[in-house]
């Protein structure tokens, strides 16, 4: 499969295909996140390929067999992909989640785990559990949950994972920022690594 061209004007063919786009991002952390690449392949192999195109930003992770992919994207490319995507899948990085929320998308989030060598600790697990409880994201902690969430979001199952009623971008962003503030003030492990000094919309975490 072709990879995403570097220049925006060359991406029109990919972004104008009939099938909806599923965009998955592992972020820019140096730890590999091979599980997400494998799980996206498993979903495509299990029938997802007939429902959507899939593009994975891989970072240092394993390259997917069935999805289009590239190692890193610039900020403008990242924003274009999230904006175009029918479904966004990402790791538990606050920057990626915030970008999706700002653009009106409720991402499916797979948190990195320390025991698999995907991060230095499990702060993504604690953080994503908290914001999932508030309805800001769809949390997928297993391959089965990810596949089911993708099917639901694309209308391939009866249990559609839709944003809560009245949850537009402004509400989602405000809720997300409040949750981050609460976690920082509590000083628990979930806030570790969260940086608020720069606008999140310009980060690719």
N, C-alpha and C. Protein backbone atom coordinates (compact mmCIF):
# COMPACT_ATOMS: atom_id res chain seq x y z
N UNK A 1 0.84 -1.20 0.00
CA UNK A 1 0.00 0.00 0.00
C UNK A 1 0.87 1.25 0.00
N UNK A 2 0.43 2.31 -0.62
CA UNK A 2 1.23 3.54 -0.62
C UNK A 2 1.20 4.20 0.75
N UNK A 3 2.27 4.88 1.11
CA UNK A 3 2.29 5.62 2.35
C UNK A 3 1.83 7.04 2.08
N UNK A 4 1.49 7.75 3.14
CA UNK A 4 0.99 9.11 3.01
C UNK A 4 2.06 10.02 2.46
N UNK A 5 1.82 10.71 1.33
CA UNK A 5 2.81 11.65 0.79
C UNK A 5 3.09 12.77 1.78
N UNK A 6 4.29 13.33 1.69
CA UNK A 6 4.69 14.36 2.63
C UNK A 6 4.01 15.69 2.43
N UNK A 7 3.61 16.00 1.20
CA UNK A 7 3.00 17.30 0.93
C UNK A 7 1.49 17.18 0.94
N UNK A 8 0.83 18.17 1.56
CA UNK A 8 -0.62 18.13 1.71
C UNK A 8 -1.31 17.95 0.37
N UNK A 9 -0.86 18.66 -0.65
CA UNK A 9 -1.56 18.61 -1.93
C UNK A 9 -1.49 17.22 -2.58
N UNK A 10 -0.49 16.40 -2.17
CA UNK A 10 -0.35 15.06 -2.73
C UNK A 10 -1.19 14.03 -1.98
N UNK A 11 -1.85 14.44 -0.91
CA UNK A 11 -2.62 13.49 -0.12
C UNK A 11 -4.08 13.43 -0.54
N UNK A 12 -4.47 14.20 -1.55
CA UNK A 12 -5.88 14.28 -1.90
C UNK A 12 -6.47 12.94 -2.28
N UNK A 13 -5.72 12.11 -3.00
CA UNK A 13 -6.24 10.81 -3.41
C UNK A 13 -6.57 9.94 -2.20
N UNK A 14 -5.65 9.92 -1.20
CA UNK A 14 -5.89 9.12 -0.01
C UNK A 14 -7.08 9.64 0.78
N UNK A 15 -7.17 10.95 0.93
CA UNK A 15 -8.20 11.53 1.78
C UNK A 15 -9.54 11.66 1.08
N UNK A 16 -9.64 11.32 -0.21
CA UNK A 16 -10.90 11.48 -0.93
C UNK A 16 -11.49 10.14 -1.36
N UNK A 17 -10.93 9.03 -0.85
CA UNK A 17 -11.47 7.71 -1.18
C UNK A 17 -12.88 7.57 -0.62
N UNK A 18 -13.63 6.63 -1.17
CA UNK A 18 -15.02 6.43 -0.76
C UNK A 18 -15.14 5.95 0.68
N UNK A 19 -14.30 4.98 1.07
CA UNK A 19 -14.38 4.44 2.42
C UNK A 19 -13.92 5.47 3.46
N UNK A 20 -14.53 5.45 4.66
CA UNK A 20 -14.09 6.36 5.73
C UNK A 20 -12.67 6.04 6.17
N UNK A 21 -12.01 7.02 6.75
CA UNK A 21 -10.63 6.87 7.19
C UNK A 21 -10.55 6.61 8.69
N UNK A 22 -9.78 5.59 9.06
CA UNK A 22 -9.42 5.35 10.45
C UNK A 22 -7.95 5.75 10.60
N UNK A 23 -7.70 6.70 11.46
CA UNK A 23 -6.33 7.18 11.68
C UNK A 23 -5.87 6.76 13.06
N UNK A 24 -4.74 6.06 13.13
CA UNK A 24 -4.18 5.61 14.40
C UNK A 24 -2.81 6.23 14.61
N UNK A 25 -2.55 6.69 15.84
CA UNK A 25 -1.27 7.33 16.15
C UNK A 25 -0.69 6.77 17.45
N UNK A 26 0.59 6.39 17.40
CA UNK A 26 1.28 5.92 18.61
C UNK A 26 2.02 7.05 19.31
N UNK A 27 2.04 8.25 18.70
CA UNK A 27 2.75 9.37 19.29
C UNK A 27 4.24 9.35 18.94
N UNK A 28 5.03 10.10 19.71
CA UNK A 28 6.46 10.26 19.40
C UNK A 28 7.37 9.74 20.50
N UNK A 29 6.84 9.06 21.51
CA UNK A 29 7.69 8.50 22.56
C UNK A 29 8.65 7.47 21.96
N UNK A 30 9.86 7.40 22.53
CA UNK A 30 10.86 6.50 21.96
C UNK A 30 10.59 5.02 22.26
N UNK A 31 9.69 4.73 23.21
CA UNK A 31 9.34 3.34 23.49
C UNK A 31 8.44 2.81 22.36
N UNK A 32 8.71 1.61 21.85
CA UNK A 32 7.85 1.05 20.81
C UNK A 32 6.48 0.68 21.38
N UNK A 33 5.47 0.77 20.54
CA UNK A 33 4.11 0.42 20.93
C UNK A 33 3.56 -0.55 19.89
N UNK A 34 4.21 -1.72 19.80
CA UNK A 34 3.89 -2.69 18.77
C UNK A 34 2.47 -3.23 18.88
N UNK A 35 1.93 -3.29 20.09
CA UNK A 35 0.58 -3.83 20.27
C UNK A 35 -0.43 -3.10 19.40
N UNK A 36 -0.34 -1.79 19.33
CA UNK A 36 -1.33 -1.04 18.57
C UNK A 36 -1.27 -1.38 17.08
N UNK A 37 -0.06 -1.50 16.54
CA UNK A 37 0.08 -1.88 15.14
C UNK A 37 -0.50 -3.27 14.89
N UNK A 38 -0.20 -4.21 15.79
CA UNK A 38 -0.72 -5.57 15.63
C UNK A 38 -2.23 -5.60 15.73
N UNK A 39 -2.78 -4.84 16.66
CA UNK A 39 -4.22 -4.84 16.85
C UNK A 39 -4.95 -4.21 15.67
N UNK A 40 -4.35 -3.17 15.08
CA UNK A 40 -4.98 -2.58 13.90
C UNK A 40 -4.98 -3.57 12.74
N UNK A 41 -3.88 -4.30 12.57
CA UNK A 41 -3.83 -5.34 11.55
C UNK A 41 -4.89 -6.41 11.80
N UNK A 42 -5.05 -6.81 13.05
CA UNK A 42 -6.02 -7.84 13.40
C UNK A 42 -7.44 -7.39 13.06
N UNK A 43 -7.73 -6.11 13.32
CA UNK A 43 -9.06 -5.59 13.00
C UNK A 43 -9.28 -5.57 11.49
N UNK A 44 -8.30 -5.12 10.74
CA UNK A 44 -8.40 -5.09 9.29
C UNK A 44 -8.57 -6.50 8.74
N UNK A 45 -7.80 -7.43 9.26
CA UNK A 45 -7.86 -8.81 8.80
C UNK A 45 -9.19 -9.46 9.15
N UNK A 46 -9.81 -9.03 10.23
CA UNK A 46 -11.08 -9.59 10.67
C UNK A 46 -12.29 -9.01 9.99
N UNK A 47 -12.09 -8.19 8.97
CA UNK A 47 -13.22 -7.63 8.24
C UNK A 47 -13.24 -6.12 8.17
N UNK A 48 -12.39 -5.47 8.99
CA UNK A 48 -12.38 -4.01 9.00
C UNK A 48 -11.97 -3.40 7.68
N UNK A 49 -11.13 -4.13 6.90
CA UNK A 49 -10.65 -3.59 5.63
C UNK A 49 -11.78 -3.32 4.65
N UNK A 50 -12.91 -3.97 4.84
CA UNK A 50 -14.05 -3.73 3.96
C UNK A 50 -14.86 -2.53 4.37
N UNK A 51 -14.56 -1.97 5.54
CA UNK A 51 -15.35 -0.86 6.08
C UNK A 51 -14.62 0.46 6.08
N UNK A 52 -13.29 0.44 6.04
CA UNK A 52 -12.53 1.69 6.17
C UNK A 52 -11.12 1.55 5.62
N UNK A 53 -10.55 2.69 5.27
CA UNK A 53 -9.12 2.78 5.02
C UNK A 53 -8.45 3.02 6.37
N UNK A 54 -7.22 2.58 6.51
CA UNK A 54 -6.54 2.75 7.78
C UNK A 54 -5.14 3.28 7.56
N UNK A 55 -4.78 4.31 8.31
CA UNK A 55 -3.44 4.86 8.27
C UNK A 55 -2.90 4.90 9.69
N UNK A 56 -1.66 4.40 9.88
CA UNK A 56 -1.05 4.35 11.20
C UNK A 56 0.24 5.16 11.21
N UNK A 57 0.34 6.11 12.15
CA UNK A 57 1.59 6.80 12.42
C UNK A 57 2.32 5.92 13.41
N UNK A 58 3.49 5.37 13.00
CA UNK A 58 4.10 4.28 13.74
C UNK A 58 5.19 4.66 14.74
N UNK A 59 5.83 5.83 14.58
CA UNK A 59 6.92 6.16 15.48
C UNK A 59 7.98 5.08 15.46
N UNK A 60 8.40 4.63 16.65
CA UNK A 60 9.41 3.57 16.74
C UNK A 60 8.78 2.18 16.80
N UNK A 61 7.48 2.09 16.57
CA UNK A 61 6.77 0.82 16.68
C UNK A 61 6.87 -0.02 15.42
N UNK A 62 6.43 -1.26 15.52
CA UNK A 62 6.42 -2.17 14.37
C UNK A 62 5.52 -1.62 13.27
N UNK A 63 5.92 -1.86 12.05
CA UNK A 63 5.14 -1.40 10.90
C UNK A 63 3.98 -2.36 10.66
N UNK A 64 2.75 -1.87 10.52
CA UNK A 64 1.62 -2.76 10.26
C UNK A 64 1.72 -3.41 8.88
N UNK A 65 1.17 -4.62 8.76
CA UNK A 65 1.21 -5.34 7.49
C UNK A 65 0.13 -4.86 6.52
N UNK A 66 -1.02 -4.45 7.06
CA UNK A 66 -2.18 -4.21 6.22
C UNK A 66 -2.59 -2.75 6.12
N UNK A 67 -2.08 -1.91 6.98
CA UNK A 67 -2.47 -0.50 6.99
C UNK A 67 -1.42 0.36 6.30
N UNK A 68 -1.85 1.44 5.72
CA UNK A 68 -0.91 2.45 5.24
C UNK A 68 -0.22 3.05 6.47
N UNK A 69 0.98 3.56 6.28
CA UNK A 69 1.70 4.00 7.48
C UNK A 69 2.84 4.95 7.12
N UNK A 70 3.26 5.70 8.13
CA UNK A 70 4.49 6.48 8.08
C UNK A 70 4.98 6.66 9.49
N UNK A 71 6.30 6.82 9.66
CA UNK A 71 6.87 6.87 11.01
C UNK A 71 6.41 8.11 11.77
N UNK A 72 6.56 9.29 11.19
CA UNK A 72 6.17 10.52 11.86
C UNK A 72 5.44 11.44 10.90
N UNK A 73 4.60 12.32 11.46
CA UNK A 73 3.88 13.32 10.69
C UNK A 73 4.17 14.69 11.28
N UNK A 74 4.24 15.70 10.42
CA UNK A 74 4.36 17.06 10.90
C UNK A 74 3.04 17.51 11.52
N UNK A 75 3.06 18.64 12.21
CA UNK A 75 1.84 19.10 12.88
C UNK A 75 0.69 19.30 11.90
N UNK A 76 0.96 19.94 10.76
CA UNK A 76 -0.11 20.18 9.79
C UNK A 76 -0.66 18.88 9.23
N UNK A 77 0.22 17.90 9.00
CA UNK A 77 -0.22 16.60 8.50
C UNK A 77 -1.05 15.87 9.55
N UNK A 78 -0.59 15.93 10.79
CA UNK A 78 -1.31 15.28 11.88
C UNK A 78 -2.72 15.87 12.02
N UNK A 79 -2.81 17.18 11.98
CA UNK A 79 -4.10 17.83 12.12
C UNK A 79 -5.01 17.47 10.94
N UNK A 80 -4.45 17.42 9.73
CA UNK A 80 -5.24 17.08 8.55
C UNK A 80 -5.80 15.66 8.65
N UNK A 81 -4.99 14.73 9.13
CA UNK A 81 -5.43 13.35 9.26
C UNK A 81 -6.53 13.21 10.32
N UNK A 82 -6.35 13.86 11.47
CA UNK A 82 -7.35 13.80 12.53
C UNK A 82 -8.65 14.44 12.06
N UNK A 83 -8.54 15.57 11.37
CA UNK A 83 -9.72 16.27 10.89
C UNK A 83 -10.50 15.43 9.89
N UNK A 84 -9.80 14.72 9.02
CA UNK A 84 -10.43 13.92 7.98
C UNK A 84 -10.97 12.59 8.49
N UNK A 85 -10.36 12.07 9.55
CA UNK A 85 -10.69 10.72 10.02
C UNK A 85 -12.12 10.59 10.54
N UNK A 86 -12.74 9.49 10.17
CA UNK A 86 -14.04 9.15 10.74
C UNK A 86 -13.86 8.63 12.16
N UNK A 87 -12.72 7.97 12.40
CA UNK A 87 -12.39 7.44 13.71
C UNK A 87 -10.91 7.68 13.99
N UNK A 88 -10.61 8.14 15.19
CA UNK A 88 -9.22 8.34 15.62
C UNK A 88 -8.90 7.33 16.71
N UNK A 89 -7.79 6.63 16.54
CA UNK A 89 -7.28 5.69 17.55
C UNK A 89 -5.92 6.21 17.98
N UNK A 90 -5.64 6.23 19.27
CA UNK A 90 -4.34 6.75 19.70
C UNK A 90 -3.91 6.14 21.03
N UNK A 91 -2.64 6.39 21.38
CA UNK A 91 -2.15 6.01 22.69
C UNK A 91 -2.69 7.02 23.71
N UNK A 92 -2.30 6.86 24.97
CA UNK A 92 -2.88 7.71 26.02
C UNK A 92 -2.14 9.00 26.25
N UNK A 93 -1.53 9.58 25.22
CA UNK A 93 -0.84 10.85 25.37
C UNK A 93 -1.81 12.02 25.39
N UNK A 94 -1.70 12.91 26.37
CA UNK A 94 -2.62 14.05 26.47
C UNK A 94 -2.66 14.91 25.21
N UNK A 95 -1.51 15.11 24.54
CA UNK A 95 -1.48 15.97 23.37
C UNK A 95 -2.32 15.43 22.24
N UNK A 96 -2.21 14.12 21.96
CA UNK A 96 -2.98 13.51 20.89
C UNK A 96 -4.46 13.51 21.21
N UNK A 97 -4.80 13.17 22.44
CA UNK A 97 -6.21 13.17 22.85
C UNK A 97 -6.80 14.57 22.75
N UNK A 98 -6.04 15.57 23.18
CA UNK A 98 -6.52 16.95 23.15
C UNK A 98 -6.73 17.41 21.71
N UNK A 99 -5.81 17.06 20.81
CA UNK A 99 -5.97 17.44 19.41
C UNK A 99 -7.25 16.86 18.84
N UNK A 100 -7.50 15.59 19.11
CA UNK A 100 -8.73 14.96 18.62
C UNK A 100 -9.96 15.66 19.19
N UNK A 101 -9.94 15.94 20.49
CA UNK A 101 -11.08 16.60 21.13
C UNK A 101 -11.31 17.99 20.57
N UNK A 102 -10.22 18.73 20.33
CA UNK A 102 -10.33 20.08 19.78
C UNK A 102 -10.99 20.06 18.40
N UNK A 103 -10.73 18.99 17.64
CA UNK A 103 -11.30 18.87 16.30
C UNK A 103 -12.63 18.12 16.29
N UNK A 104 -13.21 17.95 17.48
CA UNK A 104 -14.55 17.37 17.56
C UNK A 104 -14.61 15.87 17.45
N UNK A 105 -13.49 15.19 17.70
CA UNK A 105 -13.46 13.73 17.62
C UNK A 105 -13.34 13.13 19.01
N UNK A 106 -14.07 12.04 19.24
CA UNK A 106 -13.95 11.29 20.50
C UNK A 106 -13.07 10.07 20.22
N UNK A 107 -11.80 10.12 20.59
CA UNK A 107 -10.87 9.07 20.18
C UNK A 107 -11.06 7.76 20.94
N UNK A 108 -10.69 6.69 20.27
CA UNK A 108 -10.55 5.39 20.92
C UNK A 108 -9.10 5.33 21.41
N UNK A 109 -8.91 5.13 22.70
CA UNK A 109 -7.57 5.25 23.28
C UNK A 109 -7.09 3.92 23.84
N UNK A 110 -5.88 3.53 23.43
CA UNK A 110 -5.22 2.34 23.95
C UNK A 110 -4.01 2.82 24.76
N UNK A 111 -4.05 2.75 26.09
CA UNK A 111 -2.93 3.25 26.90
C UNK A 111 -1.70 2.36 26.81
N UNK A 112 -0.53 2.98 26.82
CA UNK A 112 0.73 2.24 26.88
C UNK A 112 0.88 1.63 28.28
N UNK A 113 1.57 0.48 28.34
CA UNK A 113 1.78 -0.20 29.62
C UNK A 113 3.26 -0.47 29.87
N UNK A 114 3.65 -0.26 31.11
CA UNK A 114 5.05 -0.45 31.49
C UNK A 114 5.50 -1.89 31.30
N UNK A 115 4.64 -2.87 31.64
CA UNK A 115 5.07 -4.27 31.61
C UNK A 115 5.41 -4.78 30.21
N UNK A 116 4.96 -4.06 29.19
CA UNK A 116 5.29 -4.43 27.82
C UNK A 116 6.43 -3.58 27.25
N UNK A 117 7.03 -2.76 28.11
CA UNK A 117 8.12 -1.90 27.66
C UNK A 117 7.65 -0.73 26.81
N UNK A 118 6.39 -0.33 26.99
CA UNK A 118 5.81 0.72 26.16
C UNK A 118 5.95 2.11 26.77
N UNK A 119 6.31 2.16 28.06
CA UNK A 119 6.51 3.45 28.73
C UNK A 119 7.27 3.21 30.03
N UNK A 120 7.66 4.28 30.69
CA UNK A 120 8.44 4.15 31.92
C UNK A 120 7.58 3.79 33.11
N UNK A 121 6.26 4.04 33.03
CA UNK A 121 5.33 3.71 34.10
C UNK A 121 3.94 3.55 33.51
N UNK A 122 2.95 3.42 34.36
CA UNK A 122 1.57 3.21 33.89
C UNK A 122 0.69 4.44 34.03
N UNK A 123 1.29 5.64 33.94
CA UNK A 123 0.47 6.83 34.12
C UNK A 123 -0.60 6.96 33.03
N UNK A 124 -0.36 6.43 31.83
CA UNK A 124 -1.38 6.52 30.79
C UNK A 124 -2.62 5.70 31.15
N UNK A 125 -2.43 4.60 31.87
CA UNK A 125 -3.57 3.77 32.27
C UNK A 125 -4.46 4.53 33.26
N UNK A 126 -3.85 5.11 34.29
CA UNK A 126 -4.62 5.86 35.29
C UNK A 126 -5.30 7.07 34.67
N UNK A 127 -4.56 7.77 33.83
CA UNK A 127 -5.08 8.98 33.20
C UNK A 127 -6.28 8.67 32.29
N UNK A 128 -6.13 7.65 31.44
CA UNK A 128 -7.21 7.35 30.50
C UNK A 128 -8.44 6.74 31.17
N UNK A 129 -8.23 6.00 32.25
CA UNK A 129 -9.38 5.47 32.99
C UNK A 129 -10.22 6.61 33.55
N UNK A 130 -9.54 7.65 34.02
CA UNK A 130 -10.26 8.80 34.60
C UNK A 130 -11.06 9.54 33.54
N UNK A 131 -10.44 9.85 32.41
CA UNK A 131 -11.17 10.63 31.41
C UNK A 131 -12.19 9.78 30.65
N UNK A 132 -11.98 8.47 30.61
CA UNK A 132 -12.99 7.59 30.00
C UNK A 132 -14.25 7.57 30.86
N UNK A 133 -14.06 7.60 32.19
CA UNK A 133 -15.20 7.61 33.10
C UNK A 133 -16.05 8.86 32.93
N UNK A 134 -15.43 9.94 32.46
CA UNK A 134 -16.14 11.19 32.23
C UNK A 134 -16.72 11.26 30.81
N UNK A 135 -16.45 10.23 29.98
CA UNK A 135 -17.02 10.18 28.64
C UNK A 135 -16.23 10.91 27.58
N UNK A 136 -15.01 11.36 27.89
CA UNK A 136 -14.24 12.13 26.92
C UNK A 136 -13.60 11.25 25.85
N UNK A 137 -13.36 9.97 26.18
CA UNK A 137 -12.74 9.05 25.24
C UNK A 137 -13.44 7.70 25.32
N UNK A 138 -13.14 6.83 24.36
CA UNK A 138 -13.53 5.42 24.43
C UNK A 138 -12.27 4.65 24.77
N UNK A 139 -12.24 3.97 25.89
CA UNK A 139 -11.04 3.27 26.36
C UNK A 139 -11.04 1.83 25.86
N UNK A 140 -9.94 1.41 25.24
CA UNK A 140 -9.79 0.03 24.75
C UNK A 140 -8.52 -0.54 25.36
N UNK A 141 -8.67 -1.49 26.28
CA UNK A 141 -7.51 -2.05 26.98
C UNK A 141 -7.16 -3.46 26.50
N UNK A 142 -7.86 -3.94 25.47
CA UNK A 142 -7.55 -5.24 24.90
C UNK A 142 -7.83 -5.18 23.40
N UNK A 143 -7.30 -6.18 22.68
CA UNK A 143 -7.56 -6.23 21.25
C UNK A 143 -9.04 -6.36 20.96
N UNK A 144 -9.74 -7.15 21.77
CA UNK A 144 -11.17 -7.34 21.58
C UNK A 144 -11.94 -6.04 21.77
N UNK A 145 -11.54 -5.26 22.79
CA UNK A 145 -12.21 -3.99 23.03
C UNK A 145 -11.95 -3.00 21.89
N UNK A 146 -10.72 -2.99 21.38
CA UNK A 146 -10.41 -2.10 20.27
C UNK A 146 -11.22 -2.46 19.04
N UNK A 147 -11.25 -3.73 18.69
CA UNK A 147 -11.99 -4.16 17.50
C UNK A 147 -13.48 -3.85 17.65
N UNK A 148 -14.03 -4.11 18.83
CA UNK A 148 -15.45 -3.84 19.06
C UNK A 148 -15.74 -2.35 18.98
N UNK A 149 -14.85 -1.53 19.52
CA UNK A 149 -15.05 -0.08 19.48
C UNK A 149 -14.97 0.46 18.05
N UNK A 150 -14.03 -0.06 17.26
CA UNK A 150 -13.92 0.34 15.86
C UNK A 150 -15.17 -0.06 15.09
N UNK A 151 -15.64 -1.28 15.30
CA UNK A 151 -16.85 -1.75 14.62
C UNK A 151 -18.04 -0.87 14.98
N UNK A 152 -18.14 -0.55 16.27
CA UNK A 152 -19.26 0.28 16.72
C UNK A 152 -19.20 1.68 16.13
N UNK A 153 -18.02 2.28 16.15
CA UNK A 153 -17.87 3.64 15.64
C UNK A 153 -18.16 3.73 14.15
N UNK A 154 -17.91 2.65 13.42
CA UNK A 154 -18.15 2.64 11.97
C UNK A 154 -19.49 2.03 11.60
N UNK A 155 -20.30 1.75 12.62
CA UNK A 155 -21.64 1.23 12.35
C UNK A 155 -21.67 -0.24 11.98
N UNK A 156 -20.59 -1.00 12.32
CA UNK A 156 -20.56 -2.43 12.01
C UNK A 156 -21.16 -3.27 13.12
N UNK A 157 -21.61 -2.62 14.21
CA UNK A 157 -22.29 -3.33 15.28
C UNK A 157 -23.40 -2.45 15.81
N UNK A 158 -24.28 -3.03 16.60
CA UNK A 158 -25.46 -2.30 17.08
C UNK A 158 -25.12 -1.29 18.16
N UNK A 159 -24.02 -1.52 18.90
CA UNK A 159 -23.68 -0.65 20.03
C UNK A 159 -22.73 0.45 19.59
N UNK A 160 -23.27 1.47 18.96
CA UNK A 160 -22.44 2.56 18.44
C UNK A 160 -21.83 3.37 19.56
N UNK A 161 -20.52 3.60 19.47
CA UNK A 161 -19.82 4.43 20.46
C UNK A 161 -19.88 5.87 19.99
N UNK A 162 -20.95 6.57 20.33
CA UNK A 162 -21.12 7.94 19.88
C UNK A 162 -20.81 8.91 21.01
N UNK A 163 -20.43 10.16 20.66
CA UNK A 163 -20.21 11.17 21.69
C UNK A 163 -21.48 11.39 22.49
N UNK A 164 -21.37 11.75 23.77
CA UNK A 164 -22.57 12.02 24.56
C UNK A 164 -23.36 13.17 23.96
N UNK A 165 -24.65 13.19 24.21
CA UNK A 165 -25.53 14.21 23.63
C UNK A 165 -25.04 15.61 23.98
N UNK A 166 -24.95 16.45 22.96
CA UNK A 166 -24.54 17.83 23.15
C UNK A 166 -23.06 18.03 23.33
N UNK A 167 -22.27 16.99 23.09
CA UNK A 167 -20.82 17.10 23.33
C UNK A 167 -20.10 17.54 22.07
N UNK A 168 -20.06 18.83 21.84
CA UNK A 168 -19.31 19.37 20.72
C UNK A 168 -17.87 19.59 21.14
N UNK A 169 -17.03 20.11 20.22
CA UNK A 169 -15.61 20.31 20.52
C UNK A 169 -15.36 21.20 21.74
N UNK A 170 -16.10 22.30 21.87
CA UNK A 170 -15.85 23.22 22.97
C UNK A 170 -16.08 22.54 24.32
N UNK A 171 -17.16 21.77 24.43
CA UNK A 171 -17.45 21.09 25.68
C UNK A 171 -16.40 20.02 25.97
N UNK A 172 -16.00 19.28 24.94
CA UNK A 172 -15.01 18.23 25.13
C UNK A 172 -13.68 18.80 25.59
N UNK A 173 -13.26 19.90 24.97
CA UNK A 173 -11.99 20.52 25.34
C UNK A 173 -12.05 21.05 26.76
N UNK A 174 -13.13 21.72 27.13
CA UNK A 174 -13.25 22.26 28.48
C UNK A 174 -13.23 21.14 29.52
N UNK A 175 -13.93 20.04 29.22
CA UNK A 175 -13.96 18.92 30.15
C UNK A 175 -12.58 18.29 30.29
N UNK A 176 -11.89 18.15 29.16
CA UNK A 176 -10.55 17.56 29.18
C UNK A 176 -9.60 18.41 30.01
N UNK A 177 -9.60 19.72 29.79
CA UNK A 177 -8.71 20.61 30.54
C UNK A 177 -9.00 20.55 32.02
N UNK A 178 -10.27 20.48 32.40
CA UNK A 178 -10.62 20.40 33.81
C UNK A 178 -10.12 19.11 34.43
N UNK A 179 -10.23 18.02 33.68
CA UNK A 179 -9.76 16.74 34.18
C UNK A 179 -8.24 16.76 34.41
N UNK A 180 -7.51 17.34 33.46
CA UNK A 180 -6.06 17.44 33.61
C UNK A 180 -5.71 18.29 34.82
N UNK A 181 -6.40 19.42 34.99
CA UNK A 181 -6.16 20.27 36.15
C UNK A 181 -6.41 19.53 37.46
N UNK A 182 -7.50 18.76 37.50
CA UNK A 182 -7.83 18.01 38.71
C UNK A 182 -6.74 17.00 39.04
N UNK A 183 -6.26 16.31 38.02
CA UNK A 183 -5.23 15.29 38.24
C UNK A 183 -3.93 15.92 38.74
N UNK A 184 -3.57 17.07 38.17
CA UNK A 184 -2.35 17.75 38.59
C UNK A 184 -2.47 18.20 40.03
N UNK A 185 -3.62 18.77 40.39
CA UNK A 185 -3.83 19.25 41.75
C UNK A 185 -3.83 18.10 42.75
N UNK A 186 -4.36 16.96 42.35
CA UNK A 186 -4.38 15.81 43.25
C UNK A 186 -2.98 15.25 43.48
N UNK A 187 -2.08 15.52 42.50
CA UNK A 187 -0.71 15.05 42.64
C UNK A 187 -0.58 13.54 42.57
N UNK A 188 -1.56 12.86 41.90
CA UNK A 188 -1.44 11.41 41.80
C UNK A 188 -0.61 11.01 40.60
N UNK A 189 -0.35 9.73 40.45
CA UNK A 189 0.51 9.23 39.38
C UNK A 189 -0.04 9.50 38.01
N UNK A 190 -1.36 9.69 37.87
CA UNK A 190 -1.93 9.89 36.54
C UNK A 190 -1.48 11.17 35.90
N UNK A 191 -1.06 12.15 36.71
CA UNK A 191 -0.65 13.42 36.13
C UNK A 191 0.80 13.45 35.70
N UNK A 192 1.54 12.40 35.97
CA UNK A 192 2.96 12.38 35.65
C UNK A 192 3.19 12.53 34.15
N UNK A 193 4.04 13.46 33.79
CA UNK A 193 4.37 13.64 32.39
C UNK A 193 3.47 14.63 31.66
N UNK A 194 2.41 15.15 32.32
CA UNK A 194 1.53 16.10 31.67
C UNK A 194 2.14 17.48 31.74
N UNK A 195 2.30 18.13 30.62
CA UNK A 195 2.89 19.46 30.56
C UNK A 195 1.88 20.43 30.02
N UNK A 196 1.63 21.50 30.71
CA UNK A 196 0.63 22.46 30.28
C UNK A 196 1.26 23.75 29.82
N UNK A 197 2.56 23.83 29.67
CA UNK A 197 3.22 25.10 29.40
C UNK A 197 3.07 25.56 27.96
N UNK A 198 2.74 24.63 27.03
CA UNK A 198 2.59 25.01 25.63
C UNK A 198 1.22 24.57 25.16
N UNK A 199 0.63 25.30 24.18
CA UNK A 199 -0.69 24.90 23.67
C UNK A 199 -0.64 23.48 23.16
N UNK A 200 -1.60 22.67 23.58
CA UNK A 200 -1.59 21.26 23.21
C UNK A 200 -1.80 21.09 21.72
N UNK A 201 -2.54 22.01 21.09
CA UNK A 201 -2.83 21.88 19.67
C UNK A 201 -1.57 21.92 18.80
N UNK A 202 -0.44 22.29 19.37
CA UNK A 202 0.79 22.34 18.60
C UNK A 202 1.73 21.19 18.96
N UNK A 203 1.22 20.24 19.79
CA UNK A 203 2.06 19.14 20.21
C UNK A 203 1.63 17.86 19.51
N UNK A 204 2.57 16.88 19.43
CA UNK A 204 2.26 15.61 18.79
C UNK A 204 2.46 14.46 19.76
N UNK A 205 2.25 14.70 21.05
CA UNK A 205 2.56 13.68 22.07
C UNK A 205 1.82 12.38 21.79
